[in-house]
Amino acid sequence: GAAAAPHAAALVAALQDRDPGVRYWCITALGKLGAAAAEHKDVLMEALRDADANVRVAAVQTIRHVCPDALPGVVETLTAALSDRDEEAAFRAAAVEALHSPGDAVG
């Protein structure tokens, strides 16, 4: 709720960290905040293009959890991941899950 909003803003700010582990845990924590994180869906969508596959996986899972209505906007990114043999298997698996059952809560 409203009490989580300042935490969401702090987590979003920390997504600029150079350490992919920090970015991963920020995205994961945003997923735990639920509706408070939904207003940051643009940042979550941007995280789908992160250089680190674990961050991208966390972004897919968090989008599915807090703003599944945003998934149609990333279908192209997710389907491209499926045909990219160089893409990390974990991200490809997350893409399949998101495309197969977009509204399922995760995390």
PDB file of N, CA and C in Angstrom:
ATOM      1  N   GLY A   1       0.790  -1.177   0.000  1.00  0.00           N
ATOM      2  CA  GLY A   1       0.000   0.000   0.000  1.00  0.00           C
ATOM      3  C   GLY A   1       0.844   1.258   0.000  1.00  0.00           C
ATOM      4  N   ALA A   2       0.292   2.308   0.534  1.00  0.00           N
ATOM      5  CA  ALA A   2       0.959   3.612   0.557  1.00  0.00           C
ATOM      6  C   ALA A   2       2.246   3.574   1.362  1.00  0.00           C
ATOM      7  N   ALA A   3       2.292   2.737   2.388  1.00  0.00           N
ATOM      8  CA  ALA A   3       3.490   2.644   3.222  1.00  0.00           C
ATOM      9  C   ALA A   3       4.678   2.069   2.457  1.00  0.00           C
ATOM     10  N   ALA A   4       4.405   1.287   1.412  1.00  0.00           N
ATOM     11  CA  ALA A   4       5.484   0.668   0.640  1.00  0.00           C
ATOM     12  C   ALA A   4       6.032   1.590  -0.442  1.00  0.00           C
ATOM     13  N   ALA A   5       5.304   2.644  -0.792  1.00  0.00           N
ATOM     14  CA  ALA A   5       5.702   3.517  -1.905  1.00  0.00           C
ATOM     15  C   ALA A   5       7.111   4.087  -1.768  1.00  0.00           C
ATOM     16  N   PRO A   6       7.514   4.598  -0.591  1.00  0.00           N
ATOM     17  CA  PRO A   6       8.887   5.115  -0.496  1.00  0.00           C
ATOM     18  C   PRO A   6       9.938   4.033  -0.718  1.00  0.00           C
ATOM     19  N   HIS A   7       9.619   2.818  -0.327  1.00  0.00           N
ATOM     20  CA  HIS A   7      10.557   1.720  -0.535  1.00  0.00           C
ATOM     21  C   HIS A   7      10.684   1.406  -2.026  1.00  0.00           C
ATOM     22  N   ALA A   8       9.570   1.457  -2.722  1.00  0.00           N
ATOM     23  CA  ALA A   8       9.602   1.208  -4.159  1.00  0.00           C
ATOM     24  C   ALA A   8      10.479   2.245  -4.857  1.00  0.00           C
ATOM     25  N   ALA A   9      10.335   3.499  -4.482  1.00  0.00           N
ATOM     26  CA  ALA A   9      11.140   4.556  -5.088  1.00  0.00           C
ATOM     27  C   ALA A   9      12.628   4.344  -4.823  1.00  0.00           C
ATOM     28  N   ALA A  10      12.970   3.929  -3.616  1.00  0.00           N
ATOM     29  CA  ALA A  10      14.377   3.677  -3.279  1.00  0.00           C
ATOM     30  C   ALA A  10      14.926   2.493  -4.072  1.00  0.00           C
ATOM     31  N   LEU A  11      14.113   1.463  -4.238  1.00  0.00           N
ATOM     32  CA  LEU A  11      14.541   0.296  -5.015  1.00  0.00           C
ATOM     33  C   LEU A  11      14.737   0.656  -6.479  1.00  0.00           C
ATOM     34  N   VAL A  12      13.844   1.460  -7.011  1.00  0.00           N
ATOM     35  CA  VAL A  12      13.969   1.896  -8.404  1.00  0.00           C
ATOM     36  C   VAL A  12      15.257   2.699  -8.584  1.00  0.00           C
ATOM     37  N   ALA A  13      15.554   3.569  -7.639  1.00  0.00           N
ATOM     38  CA  ALA A  13      16.790   4.361  -7.718  1.00  0.00           C
ATOM     39  C   ALA A  13      18.015   3.457  -7.705  1.00  0.00           C
ATOM     40  N   ALA A  14      17.961   2.389  -6.920  1.00  0.00           N
ATOM     41  CA  ALA A  14      19.102   1.472  -6.805  1.00  0.00           C
ATOM     42  C   ALA A  14      19.291   0.612  -8.055  1.00  0.00           C
ATOM     43  N   LEU A  15      18.322   0.615  -8.954  1.00  0.00           N
ATOM     44  CA  LEU A  15      18.462  -0.153 -10.194  1.00  0.00           C
ATOM     45  C   LEU A  15      19.545   0.414 -11.105  1.00  0.00           C
ATOM     46  N   GLN A  16      20.050   1.585 -10.771  1.00  0.00           N
ATOM     47  CA  GLN A  16      21.141   2.184 -11.550  1.00  0.00           C
ATOM     48  C   GLN A  16      22.505   1.647 -11.118  1.00  0.00           C
ATOM     49  N   ASP A  17      22.532   0.817 -10.079  1.00  0.00           N
ATOM     50  CA  ASP A  17      23.792   0.275  -9.565  1.00  0.00           C
ATOM     51  C   ASP A  17      24.491  -0.543 -10.653  1.00  0.00           C
ATOM     52  N   ARG A  18      25.808  -0.489 -10.654  1.00  0.00           N
ATOM     53  CA  ARG A  18      26.592  -1.227 -11.647  1.00  0.00           C
ATOM     54  C   ARG A  18      26.608  -2.721 -11.375  1.00  0.00           C
ATOM     55  N   ASP A  19      26.361  -3.106 -10.132  1.00  0.00           N
ATOM     56  CA  ASP A  19      26.405  -4.518  -9.725  1.00  0.00           C
ATOM     57  C   ASP A  19      25.091  -5.211 -10.116  1.00  0.00           C
ATOM     58  N   PRO A  20      25.157  -6.237 -10.972  1.00  0.00           N
ATOM     59  CA  PRO A  20      23.930  -6.912 -11.377  1.00  0.00           C
ATOM     60  C   PRO A  20      23.217  -7.595 -10.208  1.00  0.00           C
ATOM     61  N   GLY A  21      23.963  -7.990  -9.188  1.00  0.00           N
ATOM     62  CA  GLY A  21      23.348  -8.592  -8.006  1.00  0.00           C
ATOM     63  C   GLY A  21      22.445  -7.603  -7.289  1.00  0.00           C
ATOM     64  N   VAL A  22      22.882  -6.367  -7.207  1.00  0.00           N
ATOM     65  CA  VAL A  22      22.065  -5.321  -6.586  1.00  0.00           C
ATOM     66  C   VAL A  22      20.800  -5.100  -7.411  1.00  0.00           C
ATOM     67  N   ARG A  23      20.973  -5.021  -8.733  1.00  0.00           N
ATOM     68  CA  ARG A  23      19.812  -4.816  -9.603  1.00  0.00           C
ATOM     69  C   ARG A  23      18.825  -5.980  -9.489  1.00  0.00           C
ATOM     70  N   TYR A  24      19.345  -7.199  -9.448  1.00  0.00           N
ATOM     71  CA  TYR A  24      18.496  -8.388  -9.315  1.00  0.00           C
ATOM     72  C   TYR A  24      17.668  -8.327  -8.035  1.00  0.00           C
ATOM     73  N   TRP A  25      18.326  -8.045  -6.918  1.00  0.00           N
ATOM     74  CA  TRP A  25      17.604  -8.039  -5.646  1.00  0.00           C
ATOM     75  C   TRP A  25      16.625  -6.872  -5.549  1.00  0.00           C
ATOM     76  N   CYS A  26      16.933  -5.763  -6.210  1.00  0.00           N
ATOM     77  CA  CYS A  26      15.991  -4.639  -6.236  1.00  0.00           C
ATOM     78  C   CYS A  26      14.724  -5.025  -7.001  1.00  0.00           C
ATOM     79  N   ILE A  27      14.899  -5.654  -8.150  1.00  0.00           N
ATOM     80  CA  ILE A  27      13.740  -6.093  -8.943  1.00  0.00           C
ATOM     81  C   ILE A  27      12.939  -7.119  -8.149  1.00  0.00           C
ATOM     82  N   THR A  28      13.620  -8.065  -7.523  1.00  0.00           N
ATOM     83  CA  THR A  28      12.942  -9.087  -6.731  1.00  0.00           C
ATOM     84  C   THR A  28      12.170  -8.455  -5.581  1.00  0.00           C
ATOM     85  N   ALA A  29      12.773  -7.493  -4.908  1.00  0.00           N
ATOM     86  CA  ALA A  29      12.099  -6.811  -3.801  1.00  0.00           C
ATOM     87  C   ALA A  29      10.888  -6.021  -4.293  1.00  0.00           C
ATOM     88  N   LEU A  30      11.004  -5.410  -5.460  1.00  0.00           N
ATOM     89  CA  LEU A  30       9.853  -4.700  -6.031  1.00  0.00           C
ATOM     90  C   LEU A  30       8.679  -5.661  -6.221  1.00  0.00           C
ATOM     91  N   GLY A  31       8.982  -6.876  -6.630  1.00  0.00           N
ATOM     92  CA  GLY A  31       7.929  -7.870  -6.797  1.00  0.00           C
ATOM     93  C   GLY A  31       7.217  -8.184  -5.498  1.00  0.00           C
ATOM     94  N   LYS A  32       7.943  -8.119  -4.400  1.00  0.00           N
ATOM     95  CA  LYS A  32       7.344  -8.382  -3.084  1.00  0.00           C
ATOM     96  C   LYS A  32       6.464  -7.237  -2.613  1.00  0.00           C
ATOM     97  N   LEU A  33       6.682  -6.034  -3.157  1.00  0.00           N
ATOM     98  CA  LEU A  33       5.889  -4.877  -2.742  1.00  0.00           C
ATOM     99  C   LEU A  33       4.506  -4.851  -3.395  1.00  0.00           C
ATOM    100  N   GLY A  34       4.338  -5.630  -4.439  1.00  0.00           N
ATOM    101  CA  GLY A  34       3.032  -5.708  -5.077  1.00  0.00           C
ATOM    102  C   GLY A  34       2.607  -4.419  -5.746  1.00  0.00           C
ATOM    103  N   ALA A  35       1.402  -3.957  -5.420  1.00  0.00           N
ATOM    104  CA  ALA A  35       0.800  -2.803  -6.089  1.00  0.00           C
ATOM    105  C   ALA A  35       1.664  -1.549  -6.006  1.00  0.00           C
ATOM    106  N   ALA A  36       2.430  -1.398  -4.961  1.00  0.00           N
ATOM    107  CA  ALA A  36       3.297  -0.221  -4.824  1.00  0.00           C
ATOM    108  C   ALA A  36       4.350  -0.176  -5.924  1.00  0.00           C
ATOM    109  N   ALA A  37       4.684  -1.337  -6.481  1.00  0.00           N
ATOM    110  CA  ALA A  37       5.685  -1.389  -7.542  1.00  0.00           C
ATOM    111  C   ALA A  37       5.070  -1.198  -8.920  1.00  0.00           C
ATOM    112  N   ALA A  38       3.760  -1.390  -9.050  1.00  0.00           N
ATOM    113  CA  ALA A  38       3.108  -1.321 -10.359  1.00  0.00           C
ATOM    114  C   ALA A  38       3.291   0.035 -11.038  1.00  0.00           C
ATOM    115  N   GLU A  39       3.379   1.093 -10.256  1.00  0.00           N
ATOM    116  CA  GLU A  39       3.548   2.412 -10.870  1.00  0.00           C
ATOM    117  C   GLU A  39       4.924   2.579 -11.508  1.00  0.00           C
ATOM    118  N   HIS A  40       5.808   1.645 -11.260  1.00  0.00           N
ATOM    119  CA  HIS A  40       7.157   1.692 -11.832  1.00  0.00           C
ATOM    120  C   HIS A  40       7.310   0.692 -12.978  1.00  0.00           C
ATOM    121  N   LYS A  41       6.204   0.363 -13.644  1.00  0.00           N
ATOM    122  CA  LYS A  41       6.264  -0.669 -14.676  1.00  0.00           C
ATOM    123  C   LYS A  41       7.191  -0.296 -15.827  1.00  0.00           C
ATOM    124  N   ASP A  42       7.347   0.988 -16.124  1.00  0.00           N
ATOM    125  CA  ASP A  42       8.266   1.379 -17.201  1.00  0.00           C
ATOM    126  C   ASP A  42       9.698   0.968 -16.877  1.00  0.00           C
ATOM    127  N   VAL A  43      10.069   1.129 -15.618  1.00  0.00           N
ATOM    128  CA  VAL A  43      11.418   0.736 -15.184  1.00  0.00           C
ATOM    129  C   VAL A  43      11.561  -0.783 -15.243  1.00  0.00           C
ATOM    130  N   LEU A  44      10.501  -1.487 -14.861  1.00  0.00           N
ATOM    131  CA  LEU A  44      10.529  -2.948 -14.917  1.00  0.00           C
ATOM    132  C   LEU A  44      10.646  -3.419 -16.364  1.00  0.00           C
ATOM    133  N   MET A  45       9.937  -2.764 -17.256  1.00  0.00           N
ATOM    134  CA  MET A  45      10.011  -3.129 -18.672  1.00  0.00           C
ATOM    135  C   MET A  45      11.412  -2.865 -19.217  1.00  0.00           C
ATOM    136  N   GLU A  46      12.010  -1.779 -18.775  1.00  0.00           N
ATOM    137  CA  GLU A  46      13.378  -1.453 -19.185  1.00  0.00           C
ATOM    138  C   GLU A  46      14.353  -2.529 -18.709  1.00  0.00           C
ATOM    139  N   ALA A  47      14.096  -3.089 -17.537  1.00  0.00           N
ATOM    140  CA  ALA A  47      14.974  -4.117 -16.970  1.00  0.00           C
ATOM    141  C   ALA A  47      14.968  -5.397 -17.802  1.00  0.00           C
ATOM    142  N   LEU A  48      13.991  -5.565 -18.667  1.00  0.00           N
ATOM    143  CA  LEU A  48      13.973  -6.726 -19.568  1.00  0.00           C
ATOM    144  C   LEU A  48      15.134  -6.686 -20.548  1.00  0.00           C
ATOM    145  N   ARG A  49      15.759  -5.517 -20.694  1.00  0.00           N
ATOM    146  CA  ARG A  49      16.901  -5.368 -21.608  1.00  0.00           C
ATOM    147  C   ARG A  49      18.230  -5.274 -20.843  1.00  0.00           C
ATOM    148  N   ASP A  50      18.196  -5.582 -19.555  1.00  0.00           N
ATOM    149  CA  ASP A  50      19.413  -5.519 -18.746  1.00  0.00           C
ATOM    150  C   ASP A  50      20.462  -6.468 -19.323  1.00  0.00           C
ATOM    151  N   ALA A  51      21.720  -6.132 -19.159  1.00  0.00           N
ATOM    152  CA  ALA A  51      22.811  -6.968 -19.654  1.00  0.00           C
ATOM    153  C   ALA A  51      22.880  -8.307 -18.920  1.00  0.00           C
ATOM    154  N   ASP A  52      22.364  -8.362 -17.705  1.00  0.00           N
ATOM    155  CA  ASP A  52      22.443  -9.570 -16.898  1.00  0.00           C
ATOM    156  C   ASP A  52      21.161 -10.396 -17.019  1.00  0.00           C
ATOM    157  N   ALA A  53      21.298 -11.669 -17.369  1.00  0.00           N
ATOM    158  CA  ALA A  53      20.132 -12.539 -17.561  1.00  0.00           C
ATOM    159  C   ALA A  53      19.317 -12.698 -16.286  1.00  0.00           C
ATOM    160  N   ASN A  54      19.969 -12.754 -15.134  1.00  0.00           N
ATOM    161  CA  ASN A  54      19.226 -12.921 -13.880  1.00  0.00           C
ATOM    162  C   ASN A  54      18.330 -11.711 -13.609  1.00  0.00           C
ATOM    163  N   VAL A  55      18.805 -10.541 -13.957  1.00  0.00           N
ATOM    164  CA  VAL A  55      17.993  -9.328 -13.800  1.00  0.00           C
ATOM    165  C   VAL A  55      16.793  -9.398 -14.739  1.00  0.00           C
ATOM    166  N   ARG A  56      17.025  -9.863 -15.970  1.00  0.00           N
ATOM    167  CA  ARG A  56      15.923  -9.980 -16.932  1.00  0.00           C
ATOM    168  C   ARG A  56      14.879 -10.986 -16.459  1.00  0.00           C
ATOM    169  N   VAL A  57      15.332 -12.104 -15.896  1.00  0.00           N
ATOM    170  CA  VAL A  57      14.407 -13.112 -15.365  1.00  0.00           C
ATOM    171  C   VAL A  57      13.582 -12.510 -14.231  1.00  0.00           C
ATOM    172  N   ALA A  58      14.237 -11.819 -13.312  1.00  0.00           N
ATOM    173  CA  ALA A  58      13.528 -11.193 -12.192  1.00  0.00           C
ATOM    174  C   ALA A  58      12.520 -10.163 -12.707  1.00  0.00           C
ATOM    175  N   ALA A  59      12.889  -9.448 -13.773  1.00  0.00           N
ATOM    176  CA  ALA A  59      11.984  -8.447 -14.331  1.00  0.00           C
ATOM    177  C   ALA A  59      10.723  -9.100 -14.888  1.00  0.00           C
ATOM    178  N   VAL A  60      10.878 -10.192 -15.623  1.00  0.00           N
ATOM    179  CA  VAL A  60       9.714 -10.901 -16.166  1.00  0.00           C
ATOM    180  C   VAL A  60       8.816 -11.369 -15.026  1.00  0.00           C
ATOM    181  N   GLN A  61       9.415 -11.962 -14.023  1.00  0.00           N
ATOM    182  CA  GLN A  61       8.627 -12.478 -12.906  1.00  0.00           C
ATOM    183  C   GLN A  61       7.926 -11.358 -12.149  1.00  0.00           C
ATOM    184  N   THR A  62       8.607 -10.261 -11.962  1.00  0.00           N
ATOM    185  CA  THR A  62       8.010  -9.138 -11.235  1.00  0.00           C
ATOM    186  C   THR A  62       6.887  -8.502 -12.045  1.00  0.00           C
ATOM    187  N   ILE A  63       7.081  -8.349 -13.330  1.00  0.00           N
ATOM    188  CA  ILE A  63       6.017  -7.807 -14.187  1.00  0.00           C
ATOM    189  C   ILE A  63       4.795  -8.713 -14.118  1.00  0.00           C
ATOM    190  N   ARG A  64       5.018 -10.013 -14.201  1.00  0.00           N
ATOM    191  CA  ARG A  64       3.890 -10.957 -14.120  1.00  0.00           C
ATOM    192  C   ARG A  64       3.137 -10.801 -12.803  1.00  0.00           C
ATOM    193  N   HIS A  65       3.863 -10.505 -11.754  1.00  0.00           N
ATOM    194  CA  HIS A  65       3.262 -10.441 -10.421  1.00  0.00           C
ATOM    195  C   HIS A  65       2.570  -9.105 -10.143  1.00  0.00           C
ATOM    196  N   VAL A  66       3.224  -7.999 -10.469  1.00  0.00           N
ATOM    197  CA  VAL A  66       2.697  -6.697 -10.047  1.00  0.00           C
ATOM    198  C   VAL A  66       1.945  -5.937 -11.139  1.00  0.00           C
ATOM    199  N   CYS A  67       2.229  -6.241 -12.397  1.00  0.00           N
ATOM    200  CA  CYS A  67       1.519  -5.535 -13.469  1.00  0.00           C
ATOM    201  C   CYS A  67       1.388  -6.430 -14.703  1.00  0.00           C
ATOM    202  N   PRO A  68       0.654  -7.546 -14.550  1.00  0.00           N
ATOM    203  CA  PRO A  68       0.505  -8.469 -15.683  1.00  0.00           C
ATOM    204  C   PRO A  68      -0.135  -7.812 -16.903  1.00  0.00           C
ATOM    205  N   ASP A  69      -0.862  -6.723 -16.697  1.00  0.00           N
ATOM    206  CA  ASP A  69      -1.465  -6.011 -17.822  1.00  0.00           C
ATOM    207  C   ASP A  69      -0.407  -5.414 -18.747  1.00  0.00           C
ATOM    208  N   ALA A  70       0.827  -5.302 -18.275  1.00  0.00           N
ATOM    209  CA  ALA A  70       1.915  -4.746 -19.090  1.00  0.00           C
ATOM    210  C   ALA A  70       2.537  -5.799 -20.006  1.00  0.00           C
ATOM    211  N   LEU A  71       2.262  -7.072 -19.764  1.00  0.00           N
ATOM    212  CA  LEU A  71       2.896  -8.126 -20.553  1.00  0.00           C
ATOM    213  C   LEU A  71       2.622  -8.039 -22.062  1.00  0.00           C
ATOM    214  N   PRO A  72       1.419  -7.670 -22.492  1.00  0.00           N
ATOM    215  CA  PRO A  72       1.236  -7.560 -23.945  1.00  0.00           C
ATOM    216  C   PRO A  72       2.226  -6.592 -24.594  1.00  0.00           C
ATOM    217  N   GLY A  73       2.690  -5.626 -23.857  1.00  0.00           N
ATOM    218  CA  GLY A  73       3.653  -4.662 -24.384  1.00  0.00           C
ATOM    219  C   GLY A  73       5.057  -5.222 -24.532  1.00  0.00           C
ATOM    220  N   VAL A  74       5.307  -6.382 -23.957  1.00  0.00           N
ATOM    221  CA  VAL A  74       6.648  -6.971 -24.039  1.00  0.00           C
ATOM    222  C   VAL A  74       6.650  -8.324 -24.748  1.00  0.00           C
ATOM    223  N   VAL A  75       5.540  -8.674 -25.373  1.00  0.00           N
ATOM    224  CA  VAL A  75       5.456  -9.954 -26.069  1.00  0.00           C
ATOM    225  C   VAL A  75       6.570 -10.086 -27.102  1.00  0.00           C
ATOM    226  N   GLU A  76       6.845  -9.004 -27.829  1.00  0.00           N
ATOM    227  CA  GLU A  76       7.895  -9.056 -28.856  1.00  0.00           C
ATOM    228  C   GLU A  76       9.252  -9.382 -28.230  1.00  0.00           C
ATOM    229  N   THR A  77       9.558  -8.747 -27.104  1.00  0.00           N
ATOM    230  CA  THR A  77      10.826  -9.014 -26.414  1.00  0.00           C
ATOM    231  C   THR A  77      10.886 -10.459 -25.959  1.00  0.00           C
ATOM    232  N   LEU A  78       9.780 -10.948 -25.400  1.00  0.00           N
ATOM    233  CA  LEU A  78       9.755 -12.317 -24.882  1.00  0.00           C
ATOM    234  C   LEU A  78       9.839 -13.343 -26.007  1.00  0.00           C
ATOM    235  N   THR A  79       9.123 -13.122 -27.098  1.00  0.00           N
ATOM    236  CA  THR A  79       9.174 -14.084 -28.198  1.00  0.00           C
ATOM    237  C   THR A  79      10.542 -14.050 -28.886  1.00  0.00           C
ATOM    238  N   ALA A  80      11.168 -12.890 -28.945  1.00  0.00           N
ATOM    239  CA  ALA A  80      12.517 -12.809 -29.515  1.00  0.00           C
ATOM    240  C   ALA A  80      13.496 -13.621 -28.676  1.00  0.00           C
ATOM    241  N   ALA A  81      13.303 -13.611 -27.370  1.00  0.00           N
ATOM    242  CA  ALA A  81      14.182 -14.375 -26.482  1.00  0.00           C
ATOM    243  C   ALA A  81      14.079 -15.867 -26.763  1.00  0.00           C
ATOM    244  N   LEU A  82      12.902 -16.316 -27.154  1.00  0.00           N
ATOM    245  CA  LEU A  82      12.703 -17.743 -27.416  1.00  0.00           C
ATOM    246  C   LEU A  82      13.482 -18.221 -28.634  1.00  0.00           C
ATOM    247  N   SER A  83      13.648 -17.365 -29.616  1.00  0.00           N
ATOM    248  CA  SER A  83      14.346 -17.771 -30.838  1.00  0.00           C
ATOM    249  C   SER A  83      15.833 -17.430 -30.821  1.00  0.00           C
ATOM    250  N   ASP A  84      16.292 -16.756 -29.779  1.00  0.00           N
ATOM    251  CA  ASP A  84      17.694 -16.346 -29.683  1.00  0.00           C
ATOM    252  C   ASP A  84      18.489 -17.428 -28.955  1.00  0.00           C
ATOM    253  N   ARG A  85      19.240 -18.203 -29.712  1.00  0.00           N
ATOM    254  CA  ARG A  85      20.004 -19.304 -29.111  1.00  0.00           C
ATOM    255  C   ARG A  85      21.107 -18.818 -28.171  1.00  0.00           C
ATOM    256  N   ASP A  86      21.479 -17.552 -28.293  1.00  0.00           N
ATOM    257  CA  ASP A  86      22.499 -16.997 -27.413  1.00  0.00           C
ATOM    258  C   ASP A  86      21.913 -16.505 -26.094  1.00  0.00           C
ATOM    259  N   GLU A  87      20.595 -16.428 -26.018  1.00  0.00           N
ATOM    260  CA  GLU A  87      19.937 -15.957 -24.800  1.00  0.00           C
ATOM    261  C   GLU A  87      20.053 -17.020 -23.706  1.00  0.00           C
ATOM    262  N   GLU A  88      20.206 -16.553 -22.485  1.00  0.00           N
ATOM    263  CA  GLU A  88      20.303 -17.448 -21.343  1.00  0.00           C
ATOM    264  C   GLU A  88      19.044 -18.306 -21.228  1.00  0.00           C
ATOM    265  N   ALA A  89      19.240 -19.579 -20.903  1.00  0.00           N
ATOM    266  CA  ALA A  89      18.120 -20.510 -20.788  1.00  0.00           C
ATOM    267  C   ALA A  89      17.118 -20.062 -19.731  1.00  0.00           C
ATOM    268  N   ALA A  90      17.594 -19.490 -18.639  1.00  0.00           N
ATOM    269  CA  ALA A  90      16.689 -19.063 -17.565  1.00  0.00           C
ATOM    270  C   ALA A  90      15.743 -17.970 -18.048  1.00  0.00           C
ATOM    271  N   PHE A  91      16.254 -17.041 -18.859  1.00  0.00           N
ATOM    272  CA  PHE A  91      15.386 -15.981 -19.376  1.00  0.00           C
ATOM    273  C   PHE A  91      14.411 -16.549 -20.395  1.00  0.00           C
ATOM    274  N   ARG A  92      14.874 -17.473 -21.212  1.00  0.00           N
ATOM    275  CA  ARG A  92      13.977 -18.104 -22.173  1.00  0.00           C
ATOM    276  C   ARG A  92      12.859 -18.848 -21.452  1.00  0.00           C
ATOM    277  N   ALA A  93      13.192 -19.538 -20.366  1.00  0.00           N
ATOM    278  CA  ALA A  93      12.180 -20.255 -19.585  1.00  0.00           C
ATOM    279  C   ALA A  93      11.186 -19.280 -18.952  1.00  0.00           C
ATOM    280  N   ALA A  94      11.681 -18.166 -18.434  1.00  0.00           N
ATOM    281  CA  ALA A  94      10.794 -17.154 -17.842  1.00  0.00           C
ATOM    282  C   ALA A  94       9.878 -16.560 -18.906  1.00  0.00           C
ATOM    283  N   ALA A  95      10.409 -16.388 -20.110  1.00  0.00           N
ATOM    284  CA  ALA A  95       9.600 -15.865 -21.210  1.00  0.00           C
ATOM    285  C   ALA A  95       8.469 -16.831 -21.546  1.00  0.00           C
ATOM    286  N   VAL A  96       8.792 -18.119 -21.599  1.00  0.00           N
ATOM    287  CA  VAL A  96       7.763 -19.138 -21.873  1.00  0.00           C
ATOM    288  C   VAL A  96       6.681 -19.085 -20.813  1.00  0.00           C
ATOM    289  N   GLU A  97       7.082 -19.033 -19.545  1.00  0.00           N
ATOM    290  CA  GLU A  97       6.110 -18.979 -18.455  1.00  0.00           C
ATOM    291  C   GLU A  97       5.215 -17.750 -18.575  1.00  0.00           C
ATOM    292  N   ALA A  98       5.811 -16.609 -18.861  1.00  0.00           N
ATOM    293  CA  ALA A  98       5.047 -15.368 -18.955  1.00  0.00           C
ATOM    294  C   ALA A  98       4.077 -15.401 -20.124  1.00  0.00           C
ATOM    295  N   LEU A  99       4.498 -15.972 -21.231  1.00  0.00           N
ATOM    296  CA  LEU A  99       3.639 -16.032 -22.401  1.00  0.00           C
ATOM    297  C   LEU A  99       2.535 -17.069 -22.224  1.00  0.00           C
ATOM    298  N   HIS A 100       2.852 -18.136 -21.510  1.00  0.00           N
ATOM    299  CA  HIS A 100       1.883 -19.222 -21.315  1.00  0.00           C
ATOM    300  C   HIS A 100       0.806 -18.857 -20.293  1.00  0.00           C
ATOM    301  N   SER A 101       1.223 -18.240 -19.197  1.00  0.00           N
ATOM    302  CA  SER A 101       0.260 -17.909 -18.123  1.00  0.00           C
ATOM    303  C   SER A 101       0.606 -16.555 -17.545  1.00  0.00           C
ATOM    304  N   PRO A 102       0.315 -15.462 -18.274  1.00  0.00           N
ATOM    305  CA  PRO A 102       0.754 -14.133 -17.910  1.00  0.00           C
ATOM    306  C   PRO A 102       0.238 -13.603 -16.571  1.00  0.00           C
ATOM    307  N   GLY A 103      -0.914 -14.054 -16.112  1.00  0.00           N
ATOM    308  CA  GLY A 103      -1.468 -13.476 -14.894  1.00  0.00           C
ATOM    309  C   GLY A 103      -1.117 -14.210 -13.623  1.00  0.00           C
ATOM    310  N   ASP A 104      -0.343 -15.284 -13.717  1.00  0.00           N
ATOM    311  CA  ASP A 104      -0.017 -16.050 -12.527  1.00  0.00           C
ATOM    312  C   ASP A 104       0.876 -15.262 -11.594  1.00  0.00           C
ATOM    313  N   ALA A 105       0.551 -15.287 -10.336  1.00  0.00           N
ATOM    314  CA  ALA A 105       1.391 -14.626  -9.321  1.00  0.00           C
ATOM    315  C   ALA A 105       2.612 -15.488  -9.078  1.00  0.00           C
ATOM    316  N   VAL A 106       3.751 -14.842  -8.953  1.00  0.00           N
ATOM    317  CA  VAL A 106       5.002 -15.537  -8.669  1.00  0.00           C
ATOM    318  C   VAL A 106       5.684 -14.833  -7.514  1.00  0.00           C
ATOM    319  N   GLY A 107       6.709 -15.535  -6.984  1.00  0.00           N
ATOM    320  CA  GLY A 107       7.511 -14.902  -5.932  1.00  0.00           C
ATOM    321  C   GLY A 107       6.775 -14.837  -4.677  1.00  0.00           C
TER     322      GLY A 107
END
